[in-house]
N, C-alpha and C. Protein backbone atom coordinates (compact mmCIF):
# COMPACT_ATOMS: atom_id res chain seq x y z
N UNK A 1 118.44 107.21 127.42
CA UNK A 1 119.35 106.61 128.46
C UNK A 1 120.81 105.96 128.19
N UNK A 2 121.82 106.45 128.37
CA UNK A 2 122.96 106.27 127.80
C UNK A 2 123.10 104.59 128.70
N UNK A 3 123.75 103.46 128.18
CA UNK A 3 124.50 102.20 128.56
C UNK A 3 126.23 102.19 127.98
N UNK A 4 126.95 101.68 128.67
CA UNK A 4 128.04 101.12 128.28
C UNK A 4 128.06 100.17 127.02
N UNK A 5 128.65 100.23 126.31
CA UNK A 5 128.65 99.23 124.91
C UNK A 5 128.52 97.92 125.48
N UNK A 6 129.64 97.58 126.32
CA UNK A 6 129.65 96.06 126.78
C UNK A 6 128.09 95.59 127.72
N UNK A 7 127.48 96.25 127.49
CA UNK A 7 126.12 95.90 128.27
C UNK A 7 124.78 95.55 127.02
N UNK A 8 125.31 95.36 125.92
CA UNK A 8 124.63 95.23 124.79
C UNK A 8 124.91 93.49 124.79
N UNK A 9 122.81 93.86 124.47
CA UNK A 9 122.98 92.19 124.26
C UNK A 9 121.92 92.17 123.00
N UNK A 10 121.69 90.90 122.93
CA UNK A 10 121.38 90.21 121.65
C UNK A 10 119.07 90.31 121.49
N UNK A 11 118.71 91.72 120.48
CA UNK A 11 117.45 91.84 120.76
C UNK A 11 117.11 93.22 121.31
N UNK A 12 117.77 94.11 121.67
CA UNK A 12 117.96 95.39 122.52
C UNK A 12 117.90 96.03 121.25
N UNK A 13 117.13 97.01 121.19
CA UNK A 13 117.08 98.67 121.15
C UNK A 13 117.55 99.83 121.35
N UNK A 14 118.42 100.34 120.19
CA UNK A 14 119.86 101.34 120.67
C UNK A 14 119.53 102.03 119.39
N UNK A 15 119.57 103.76 119.61
CA UNK A 15 119.83 104.57 118.65
C UNK A 15 121.15 104.46 118.34
N UNK A 16 121.65 104.14 116.65
CA UNK A 16 122.77 103.94 116.11
C UNK A 16 122.75 105.36 114.98
N UNK A 17 123.53 106.03 115.01
CA UNK A 17 123.32 107.60 114.09
C UNK A 17 122.08 107.97 113.82
N UNK A 18 121.68 108.12 114.97
CA UNK A 18 120.36 108.66 115.06
C UNK A 18 119.29 108.11 114.46
N UNK A 19 119.73 106.88 114.17
CA UNK A 19 118.41 105.87 114.05
C UNK A 19 118.20 104.53 115.42
N UNK A 20 116.83 104.11 115.45
CA UNK A 20 116.69 103.34 116.05
C UNK A 20 117.39 102.06 115.68
N UNK A 21 118.02 101.08 115.88
CA UNK A 21 118.19 99.75 115.58
C UNK A 21 118.52 98.70 116.32
N UNK A 22 118.25 97.43 116.39
CA UNK A 22 118.07 96.22 117.07
C UNK A 22 119.34 95.53 116.93
N UNK A 23 120.25 94.88 118.05
CA UNK A 23 121.13 94.25 118.01
C UNK A 23 121.10 92.83 117.72
N UNK A 24 121.21 92.16 116.43
CA UNK A 24 121.23 91.07 116.17
C UNK A 24 122.49 90.43 116.28
N UNK A 25 123.58 90.68 116.42
CA UNK A 25 124.52 89.73 117.27
C UNK A 25 125.18 90.80 117.86
N UNK A 26 126.02 90.01 118.77
CA UNK A 26 127.51 90.97 119.31
C UNK A 26 128.22 89.85 120.04
N UNK A 27 129.22 90.54 119.86
CA UNK A 27 130.67 89.44 120.34
C UNK A 27 131.70 90.69 121.18
N UNK A 28 132.18 90.51 122.44
CA UNK A 28 132.38 91.63 123.38
C UNK A 28 134.16 90.58 123.02
N UNK A 29 134.85 91.22 122.84
CA UNK A 29 136.05 90.65 122.64
C UNK A 29 137.24 91.61 123.37
N UNK A 30 138.03 90.84 123.70
CA UNK A 30 139.02 91.53 125.00
C UNK A 30 140.70 90.65 123.98
N UNK A 31 140.93 90.78 122.71
CA UNK A 31 142.48 90.99 122.51
C UNK A 31 143.36 90.90 123.39
N UNK A 32 144.41 90.16 123.55
CA UNK A 32 145.61 90.09 124.31
C UNK A 32 145.85 91.14 125.25
N UNK A 33 146.78 92.09 124.95
CA UNK A 33 146.98 93.09 125.53
C UNK A 33 146.51 94.73 125.15
N UNK A 34 145.62 94.62 124.36
CA UNK A 34 144.61 95.61 123.52
C UNK A 34 143.26 95.94 124.53
N UNK A 35 143.09 96.69 123.52
CA UNK A 35 141.52 97.10 124.78
C UNK A 35 140.21 96.28 124.38
N UNK A 36 139.24 95.89 125.25
CA UNK A 36 138.13 95.63 124.76
C UNK A 36 137.67 96.49 123.89
N UNK A 37 136.47 95.87 122.92
CA UNK A 37 135.67 95.77 122.08
C UNK A 37 134.44 95.45 121.92
N UNK A 38 133.39 95.80 121.56
CA UNK A 38 132.45 95.13 120.95
C UNK A 38 131.86 94.91 119.82
N UNK A 39 131.76 94.05 119.14
CA UNK A 39 131.54 93.85 117.87
C UNK A 39 130.19 93.46 117.38
N UNK A 40 129.19 94.54 116.84
CA UNK A 40 127.55 94.55 116.98
C UNK A 40 127.08 94.33 115.33
N UNK A 41 126.45 93.71 115.21
CA UNK A 41 125.30 93.65 114.45
C UNK A 41 124.29 93.99 114.34
N UNK A 42 123.70 95.19 113.95
CA UNK A 42 122.56 96.16 113.38
C UNK A 42 121.55 95.87 112.53
N UNK A 43 120.10 96.03 113.17
CA UNK A 43 119.02 96.02 111.90
C UNK A 43 118.66 97.15 112.00
N UNK A 44 118.61 98.36 110.86
CA UNK A 44 118.00 99.37 111.27
C UNK A 44 116.76 99.24 111.14
N UNK A 45 115.80 99.83 112.00
CA UNK A 45 114.10 99.30 112.04
C UNK A 45 113.37 100.06 111.29
N UNK A 46 114.04 101.27 110.94
CA UNK A 46 113.16 102.45 109.46
C UNK A 46 113.35 101.25 108.07
N UNK A 47 114.49 100.90 107.93
CA UNK A 47 115.05 100.62 106.63
C UNK A 47 114.86 98.91 106.57
N UNK A 48 115.20 98.49 107.29
CA UNK A 48 115.37 97.26 107.49
C UNK A 48 116.89 96.73 107.21
N UNK A 49 118.04 97.32 106.86
CA UNK A 49 119.14 97.19 106.18
C UNK A 49 120.24 96.64 107.81
N UNK A 50 121.23 96.09 107.61
CA UNK A 50 122.08 95.38 108.37
C UNK A 50 123.48 95.94 108.75
N UNK A 51 124.00 96.62 109.48
CA UNK A 51 125.36 97.42 109.91
C UNK A 51 125.78 96.98 110.69
N UNK A 52 127.30 96.51 110.22
CA UNK A 52 128.46 96.09 111.58
C UNK A 52 129.13 97.06 111.93
N UNK A 53 129.14 97.28 113.26
CA UNK A 53 130.30 98.36 113.86
C UNK A 53 130.53 97.51 115.04
N UNK A 54 132.10 98.36 115.21
CA UNK A 54 132.77 97.82 116.47
C UNK A 54 132.47 99.31 117.32
N UNK A 55 132.51 98.80 118.71
CA UNK A 55 132.29 99.72 119.41
C UNK A 55 133.50 99.83 120.43
N UNK A 56 134.11 100.43 121.20
CA UNK A 56 134.87 100.85 122.27
C UNK A 56 134.53 100.32 123.23
N UNK A 57 134.87 99.79 124.32
CA UNK A 57 134.86 99.16 125.77
C UNK A 57 134.15 100.42 126.46
N UNK A 58 134.70 101.78 126.17
CA UNK A 58 134.53 102.74 126.77
C UNK A 58 133.30 103.95 126.21
N UNK A 59 133.09 103.02 125.01
CA UNK A 59 131.88 104.11 124.19
C UNK A 59 130.44 103.77 124.61
N UNK A 60 129.99 104.82 124.97
CA UNK A 60 128.02 104.61 125.41
C UNK A 60 127.54 104.69 124.20
N UNK A 61 125.95 103.99 124.76
CA UNK A 61 124.87 103.78 123.29
C UNK A 61 123.61 104.44 123.70
N UNK A 62 123.13 104.82 123.03
CA UNK A 62 121.74 105.21 123.76
C UNK A 62 120.69 104.19 123.40
N UNK A 63 119.90 103.87 124.63
CA UNK A 63 118.97 102.59 124.36
C UNK A 63 117.61 103.44 123.84
N UNK A 64 117.16 102.82 122.83
CA UNK A 64 115.46 103.36 122.22
C UNK A 64 114.64 103.73 123.03
N UNK A 65 114.03 104.58 123.04
CA UNK A 65 112.23 104.50 123.75
C UNK A 65 111.96 104.38 122.84
N UNK A 66 111.09 102.32 122.72
CA UNK A 66 110.39 101.98 121.67
C UNK A 66 109.25 101.93 122.66
N UNK A 67 107.64 102.35 122.51
CA UNK A 67 106.69 101.89 122.94
C UNK A 67 106.25 100.74 121.69
N UNK A 68 105.16 99.67 122.55
CA UNK A 68 104.96 98.67 121.96
C UNK A 68 102.95 98.72 122.00
N UNK A 69 102.54 98.28 121.01
CA UNK A 69 101.11 98.49 121.04
C UNK A 69 100.43 97.31 120.64
N UNK A 70 99.49 96.71 121.18
CA UNK A 70 98.87 95.46 120.55
C UNK A 70 97.84 96.01 119.56
N UNK A 71 98.12 96.02 118.04
CA UNK A 71 97.06 96.24 116.84
C UNK A 71 96.20 95.33 116.48
N UNK A 72 95.55 95.64 115.74
CA UNK A 72 94.27 94.35 114.76
C UNK A 72 94.47 94.54 113.60
N UNK A 73 94.90 94.12 112.71
CA UNK A 73 94.63 94.38 110.95
C UNK A 73 93.81 94.40 110.71
N UNK A 74 93.17 95.89 109.79
CA UNK A 74 91.97 95.78 109.13
C UNK A 74 91.97 95.36 107.86
N UNK A 75 92.97 95.87 107.06
CA UNK A 75 92.94 95.48 105.74
C UNK A 75 93.99 96.28 104.79
N UNK A 76 94.16 95.67 103.38
CA UNK A 76 95.06 96.14 102.58
C UNK A 76 94.62 97.15 102.13
N UNK A 77 95.20 98.18 101.44
CA UNK A 77 94.87 99.36 100.13
C UNK A 77 95.99 99.54 99.70
N UNK A 78 96.46 99.00 98.63
CA UNK A 78 97.20 99.02 97.80
C UNK A 78 98.53 98.37 98.28
N UNK A 79 99.38 99.26 98.75
CA UNK A 79 100.84 99.07 99.09
C UNK A 79 101.10 99.48 100.97
N UNK A 80 99.27 100.28 101.35
CA UNK A 80 99.46 100.44 102.61
C UNK A 80 98.60 99.37 103.43
N UNK A 81 99.19 99.00 104.53
CA UNK A 81 98.39 98.03 105.56
C UNK A 81 97.73 99.02 106.49
N UNK A 82 96.11 98.76 107.04
CA UNK A 82 95.56 99.77 108.19
C UNK A 82 95.55 98.86 109.21
N UNK A 83 95.93 99.25 110.54
CA UNK A 83 96.15 98.93 111.96
C UNK A 83 94.49 99.44 112.43
N UNK A 84 93.97 99.07 113.68
CA UNK A 84 93.55 99.07 114.54
C UNK A 84 93.89 99.31 115.86
N UNK A 85 94.05 100.09 117.44
CA UNK A 85 94.20 99.83 118.29
C UNK A 85 92.64 99.71 118.90
N UNK A 86 93.14 98.41 119.80
CA UNK A 86 91.83 97.94 120.09
C UNK A 86 91.31 98.91 121.59
N UNK A 87 92.14 99.26 121.91
CA UNK A 87 91.88 100.44 123.40
C UNK A 87 91.16 101.53 123.09
N UNK A 88 92.15 102.55 122.32
CA UNK A 88 91.72 103.76 121.76
C UNK A 88 91.07 104.05 120.37
N UNK A 89 90.67 102.80 119.73
CA UNK A 89 90.38 103.11 118.27
C UNK A 89 90.69 103.89 117.44
N UNK A 90 92.13 103.70 117.77
CA UNK A 90 92.85 104.75 116.60
C UNK A 90 93.48 103.96 115.81
N UNK A 91 93.52 104.07 114.67
CA UNK A 91 93.81 103.87 113.03
C UNK A 91 95.16 104.40 112.74
N UNK A 92 96.24 103.27 112.20
CA UNK A 92 97.27 103.55 112.21
C UNK A 92 97.77 102.89 110.46
N UNK A 93 98.62 103.65 109.69
CA UNK A 93 99.10 102.91 108.46
C UNK A 93 100.39 102.60 108.60
N UNK A 94 100.47 101.49 107.84
CA UNK A 94 102.13 101.58 107.74
C UNK A 94 101.97 100.69 106.05
N UNK A 95 103.27 101.06 105.35
CA UNK A 95 103.92 100.70 104.38
C UNK A 95 104.04 99.16 104.67
N UNK A 96 103.95 98.45 102.82
CA UNK A 96 104.70 96.89 102.93
C UNK A 96 106.32 97.00 103.47
N UNK A 97 106.80 98.24 103.00
CA UNK A 97 107.90 98.45 103.14
C UNK A 97 108.77 98.78 104.72
N UNK A 98 107.69 99.30 105.13
CA UNK A 98 108.06 99.34 106.48
C UNK A 98 107.62 97.66 107.17
N UNK A 99 106.67 96.91 106.88
CA UNK A 99 106.58 95.81 107.50
C UNK A 99 107.48 94.72 106.68
N UNK A 100 108.03 94.94 105.95
CA UNK A 100 109.20 94.00 105.71
C UNK A 100 108.50 92.46 105.21
N UNK A 101 109.42 91.44 105.70
CA UNK A 101 108.25 90.13 105.33
C UNK A 101 107.57 89.99 106.40
N UNK A 102 107.00 90.30 107.04
CA UNK A 102 105.72 90.26 108.04
C UNK A 102 104.89 90.56 106.86
N UNK A 103 104.80 91.69 106.22
CA UNK A 103 103.50 91.71 104.74
C UNK A 103 102.96 90.57 104.89
N UNK A 104 103.48 89.58 103.88
CA UNK A 104 103.09 88.45 103.30
C UNK A 104 102.61 87.83 104.49
N UNK A 105 102.00 87.87 105.82
CA UNK A 105 101.88 86.96 106.73
C UNK A 105 100.81 87.39 107.18
N UNK A 106 100.19 89.00 106.71
CA UNK A 106 98.97 89.44 107.37
C UNK A 106 97.55 89.21 107.04
N UNK A 107 96.59 88.98 108.22
CA UNK A 107 95.41 87.98 107.77
C UNK A 107 94.36 88.73 108.65
N UNK A 108 93.35 89.19 107.88
CA UNK A 108 92.29 89.65 108.43
C UNK A 108 91.89 89.49 109.77
N UNK A 109 91.81 90.39 110.42
CA UNK A 109 91.79 90.54 112.18
C UNK A 109 93.20 90.12 112.72
N UNK A 110 94.07 89.80 112.09
CA UNK A 110 94.92 89.00 113.10
C UNK A 110 95.48 90.24 114.04
N UNK A 111 95.90 89.65 115.38
CA UNK A 111 96.53 90.75 116.37
C UNK A 111 97.66 91.02 116.19
N UNK A 112 98.27 91.55 116.31
CA UNK A 112 100.18 91.88 116.48
C UNK A 112 100.55 93.12 117.10
N UNK A 113 102.06 92.86 117.66
CA UNK A 113 102.56 93.62 118.55
C UNK A 113 103.26 94.62 117.53
N UNK A 114 102.92 95.90 117.67
CA UNK A 114 103.59 97.24 116.46
C UNK A 114 104.72 97.70 117.45
N UNK A 115 105.88 97.95 117.22
CA UNK A 115 107.08 99.02 117.45
C UNK A 115 106.89 100.53 117.25
N UNK A 116 106.37 101.47 118.32
CA UNK A 116 106.56 102.65 117.94
C UNK A 116 107.60 103.40 118.13
N UNK A 117 108.32 104.03 117.57
CA UNK A 117 109.80 105.08 117.52
C UNK A 117 108.89 106.45 117.58
N UNK A 118 109.24 107.56 118.46
CA UNK A 118 108.56 108.98 117.96
C UNK A 118 107.33 108.85 117.70
N UNK A 119 106.48 107.85 118.16
CA UNK A 119 105.34 108.11 117.32
C UNK A 119 104.83 108.00 116.28
N UNK A 120 106.05 107.15 115.60
CA UNK A 120 105.88 106.68 114.40
C UNK A 120 106.06 104.80 114.21
N UNK A 121 105.06 104.43 113.28
CA UNK A 121 105.28 102.38 113.66
C UNK A 121 106.36 102.20 113.00
N UNK A 122 107.02 101.33 113.16
CA UNK A 122 108.63 100.87 112.74
C UNK A 122 109.13 99.40 112.49
N UNK A 123 107.87 98.48 113.39
CA UNK A 123 108.28 97.22 113.56
C UNK A 123 107.16 96.40 113.80
N UNK A 124 106.82 95.06 113.35
CA UNK A 124 105.65 94.54 113.78
C UNK A 124 106.19 92.93 114.19
N UNK A 125 105.61 92.69 115.53
CA UNK A 125 106.04 91.09 116.09
C UNK A 125 104.81 90.29 115.64
N UNK A 126 105.58 89.44 114.82
CA UNK A 126 104.20 88.45 114.34
C UNK A 126 104.40 87.61 115.69
N UNK A 127 102.94 86.49 115.66
CA UNK A 127 102.89 85.60 116.45
C UNK A 127 103.73 84.62 116.28
N UNK A 128 104.16 83.49 116.82
CA UNK A 128 105.39 82.28 116.95
C UNK A 128 104.65 81.56 115.60
N UNK A 129 103.42 81.57 115.54
CA UNK A 129 102.80 80.47 114.70
C UNK A 129 101.08 80.80 114.23
N UNK A 130 101.51 80.59 112.62
CA UNK A 130 99.68 80.91 112.06
C UNK A 130 99.34 79.66 111.37
N UNK A 131 97.85 79.59 111.18
CA UNK A 131 97.45 78.33 110.55
C UNK A 131 96.93 78.91 109.50
N UNK A 132 97.13 78.42 108.18
CA UNK A 132 96.54 78.54 106.97
C UNK A 132 96.16 77.57 106.04
N UNK A 133 95.31 77.65 105.37
CA UNK A 133 94.36 76.30 104.64
C UNK A 133 95.74 76.31 103.07
N UNK A 134 96.16 75.23 103.28
CA UNK A 134 96.87 75.05 101.30
C UNK A 134 95.76 74.65 100.19
N UNK A 135 96.14 75.54 99.56
CA UNK A 135 95.16 75.74 98.20
C UNK A 135 95.70 75.43 96.42
N UNK A 136 97.08 74.67 96.84
CA UNK A 136 97.62 74.26 95.62
C UNK A 136 98.70 73.31 96.05
N UNK A 137 98.74 72.08 95.33
CA UNK A 137 100.36 71.77 95.98
C UNK A 137 100.02 69.71 95.50
N UNK A 138 100.99 69.35 95.10
CA UNK A 138 101.15 68.51 94.55
C UNK A 138 100.30 67.38 94.98
N UNK A 139 99.93 66.36 94.21
CA UNK A 139 99.02 65.36 94.72
C UNK A 139 99.94 64.19 96.38
N UNK A 140 99.19 63.99 96.89
CA UNK A 140 99.69 63.33 98.18
C UNK A 140 100.64 61.16 96.79
N UNK A 141 101.31 61.04 97.83
CA UNK A 141 102.15 60.24 96.96
C UNK A 141 101.97 59.04 98.14
N UNK A 142 101.80 57.58 97.53
CA UNK A 142 101.15 56.65 98.24
C UNK A 142 102.25 56.05 99.38
N UNK A 143 103.62 56.52 99.05
CA UNK A 143 104.71 55.95 99.94
C UNK A 143 104.81 57.17 100.89
N UNK A 144 103.98 57.97 100.92
CA UNK A 144 104.65 59.47 101.83
C UNK A 144 104.88 58.92 103.32
N UNK A 145 105.71 59.11 103.94
CA UNK A 145 105.82 59.16 105.36
C UNK A 145 106.04 60.45 106.47
N UNK A 146 106.32 60.86 107.33
CA UNK A 146 106.85 62.33 108.33
C UNK A 146 107.48 62.38 108.29
N UNK A 147 108.84 61.77 107.56
CA UNK A 147 110.40 61.92 107.25
C UNK A 147 110.60 61.61 105.75
N UNK A 148 109.77 61.79 105.09
CA UNK A 148 109.70 62.17 103.45
C UNK A 148 110.17 63.31 103.33
N UNK A 149 110.66 63.08 101.78
CA UNK A 149 110.83 64.99 101.65
C UNK A 149 109.81 65.77 101.44
N UNK A 150 109.87 66.98 100.86
CA UNK A 150 109.15 68.22 100.98
C UNK A 150 108.85 68.43 99.56
N UNK A 151 107.68 69.48 99.35
CA UNK A 151 107.32 69.47 98.42
C UNK A 151 106.54 70.54 98.34
N UNK A 152 106.95 71.92 97.06
CA UNK A 152 106.05 72.93 97.43
C UNK A 152 104.60 73.31 97.13
N UNK A 153 103.80 74.08 98.25
CA UNK A 153 102.12 74.37 98.92
C UNK A 153 102.21 75.39 98.47
N UNK A 154 101.38 76.07 98.16
CA UNK A 154 100.51 77.60 98.16
C UNK A 154 99.27 77.58 98.73
N UNK A 155 99.31 78.56 100.09
CA UNK A 155 98.80 78.75 101.09
C UNK A 155 97.46 79.59 100.45
N UNK A 156 96.45 80.12 101.30
CA UNK A 156 95.67 80.70 100.62
C UNK A 156 95.33 82.39 101.45
N UNK A 157 97.11 82.56 102.17
CA UNK A 157 97.31 83.88 101.65
C UNK A 157 98.36 84.32 100.64
N UNK A 158 98.49 83.68 99.29
CA UNK A 158 99.39 83.36 98.78
C UNK A 158 101.10 83.11 98.91
N UNK A 159 100.95 82.96 100.26
CA UNK A 159 103.00 82.13 99.73
C UNK A 159 102.93 80.68 99.87
N UNK A 160 104.02 80.60 99.29
CA UNK A 160 104.46 79.71 99.09
C UNK A 160 105.74 78.57 100.35
N UNK A 161 105.29 77.58 100.82
CA UNK A 161 106.42 77.04 101.87
C UNK A 161 106.42 75.86 101.35
N UNK A 162 107.87 74.99 101.81
CA UNK A 162 108.16 73.26 101.72
C UNK A 162 107.01 72.84 102.58
N UNK A 163 106.37 71.69 102.45
CA UNK A 163 105.50 71.17 103.30
C UNK A 163 106.15 69.37 103.26
N UNK A 164 105.58 68.55 103.95
CA UNK A 164 106.12 67.07 103.95
C UNK A 164 104.93 66.69 102.30
N UNK A 165 105.09 65.75 102.20
CA UNK A 165 104.82 65.20 101.06
C UNK A 165 103.25 64.62 101.61
N UNK A 166 103.10 64.13 102.36
CA UNK A 166 101.55 63.71 102.92
C UNK A 166 100.50 64.41 103.03
N UNK A 167 101.22 65.87 103.22
CA UNK A 167 100.03 66.99 103.16
C UNK A 167 99.62 67.46 101.63
N UNK A 168 98.07 67.39 101.48
CA UNK A 168 97.27 67.42 100.53
C UNK A 168 96.42 69.32 100.25
N UNK A 169 95.91 68.96 99.20
CA UNK A 169 94.91 70.46 99.29
C UNK A 169 93.97 70.29 100.26
N UNK A 170 93.59 71.81 100.73
CA UNK A 170 92.62 71.57 102.02
C UNK A 170 92.73 71.19 102.93
N UNK A 171 94.07 70.67 103.13
CA UNK A 171 94.75 70.40 104.85
C UNK A 171 94.67 72.24 105.41
N UNK A 172 94.37 72.08 106.77
CA UNK A 172 95.59 73.42 107.28
C UNK A 172 96.24 72.62 108.11
N UNK A 173 97.36 73.84 107.80
CA UNK A 173 98.76 73.37 108.41
C UNK A 173 99.33 74.95 108.94
N UNK A 174 100.12 74.61 110.20
CA UNK A 174 100.57 75.93 111.16
C UNK A 174 102.16 76.14 110.41
N UNK A 175 102.68 77.14 110.54
CA UNK A 175 103.74 77.83 110.09
C UNK A 175 104.13 79.13 110.93
N UNK A 176 105.55 79.06 111.18
CA UNK A 176 105.91 79.98 111.48
C UNK A 176 106.29 80.82 110.42
N UNK A 177 105.80 82.41 110.97
CA UNK A 177 106.04 83.83 110.29
C UNK A 177 106.87 84.34 109.81
N UNK A 178 108.20 83.81 111.24
CA UNK A 178 109.28 84.61 110.96
C UNK A 178 110.56 83.49 110.35
N UNK A 179 110.30 82.59 110.10
CA UNK A 179 111.23 81.69 109.09
C UNK A 179 110.37 80.96 107.87
N UNK A 180 108.87 81.21 107.95
CA UNK A 180 108.09 80.88 106.45
C UNK A 180 108.48 79.38 106.39
N UNK A 181 108.73 78.45 108.08
CA UNK A 181 108.47 77.01 107.69
C UNK A 181 107.49 76.15 108.33
N UNK A 182 107.40 75.22 107.58
CA UNK A 182 105.89 74.54 108.11
C UNK A 182 106.36 73.97 109.49
N UNK A 183 105.22 73.69 110.43
CA UNK A 183 105.46 73.40 112.18
C UNK A 183 104.94 71.99 111.58
N UNK A 184 103.94 72.14 111.59
CA UNK A 184 102.67 70.52 111.88
C UNK A 184 101.68 71.00 111.04
N UNK A 185 100.52 70.26 111.21
CA UNK A 185 99.22 69.97 110.37
C UNK A 185 98.00 70.77 111.95
N UNK A 186 97.58 71.71 111.27
CA UNK A 186 96.70 72.56 112.46
C UNK A 186 95.61 71.81 112.50
N UNK A 187 94.92 71.82 113.48
CA UNK A 187 93.96 70.97 114.15
C UNK A 187 92.41 71.56 113.71
């Protein structure tokens, strides 16, 4: 379904050069007595690369027809991640490359939203926060407070994040998987 380029918004999925892309940033620009244009930064959903393109105001773009399904992560086999649709019990396989940064945050039994384009999985939307246990970090400093500096901590999924000084080995922490930032202690 074609829409005018001026209707582009952040987060939309469009077809650009025959590939599905997500609009990361856009700016509608109308310089003085020149024609209006839309400067857009797009992320290709299959490869993850970013592209910048300038659309004329009179251009039209096709909206990508994405399907989303809630899938449960089952297991990892080498470079492949296996998911199951809990409604139809169909299993889907995705490569670590297709998952991108989300691959590091996959945990057994995790339910994620997977985007499909023309029947093929192309992306994963993770929850806004996940809980992990700290398996290795420096010892707690006596003078550590909530506003003190941070230290690296290794989590039970293998990822390393920065945590406040008062966090110790064995604590459970909540992490934003989209940015890899510490949020707070998990209960």
